[in-house]
Amino acid sequence: MALVHHPDYWGAGKILYEKMTEKAFNELKLDAIQVLFPPTKTHVQGLLRLGFKKTGVVKIGEEQFIRYVLNWPE
């Protein structure tokens, strides 16, 4: 499952979070959700408040991204 958050929908993060976690954890039975942000995306406090943890850097092609992971709630 992938999501590109278009600027027209910034501010709808809480609704997207609820739908995304419901689908990922309850329907698809995934163990975790990953979010990849470019290093230039520095305002991530909202993501961290939702429980995501910074876990490292991922390289896709020539681009680097910062990876954040939300694990299945125990």
Foldseek 3Di string as FASTA:
>chain_A
DDDDQDPVRPVCVVVVVVVVCCCQCVVVVHFKDKDWAAPVPDPCVVVVVVPWDFDAWDDDPNGITTITMHGDDD
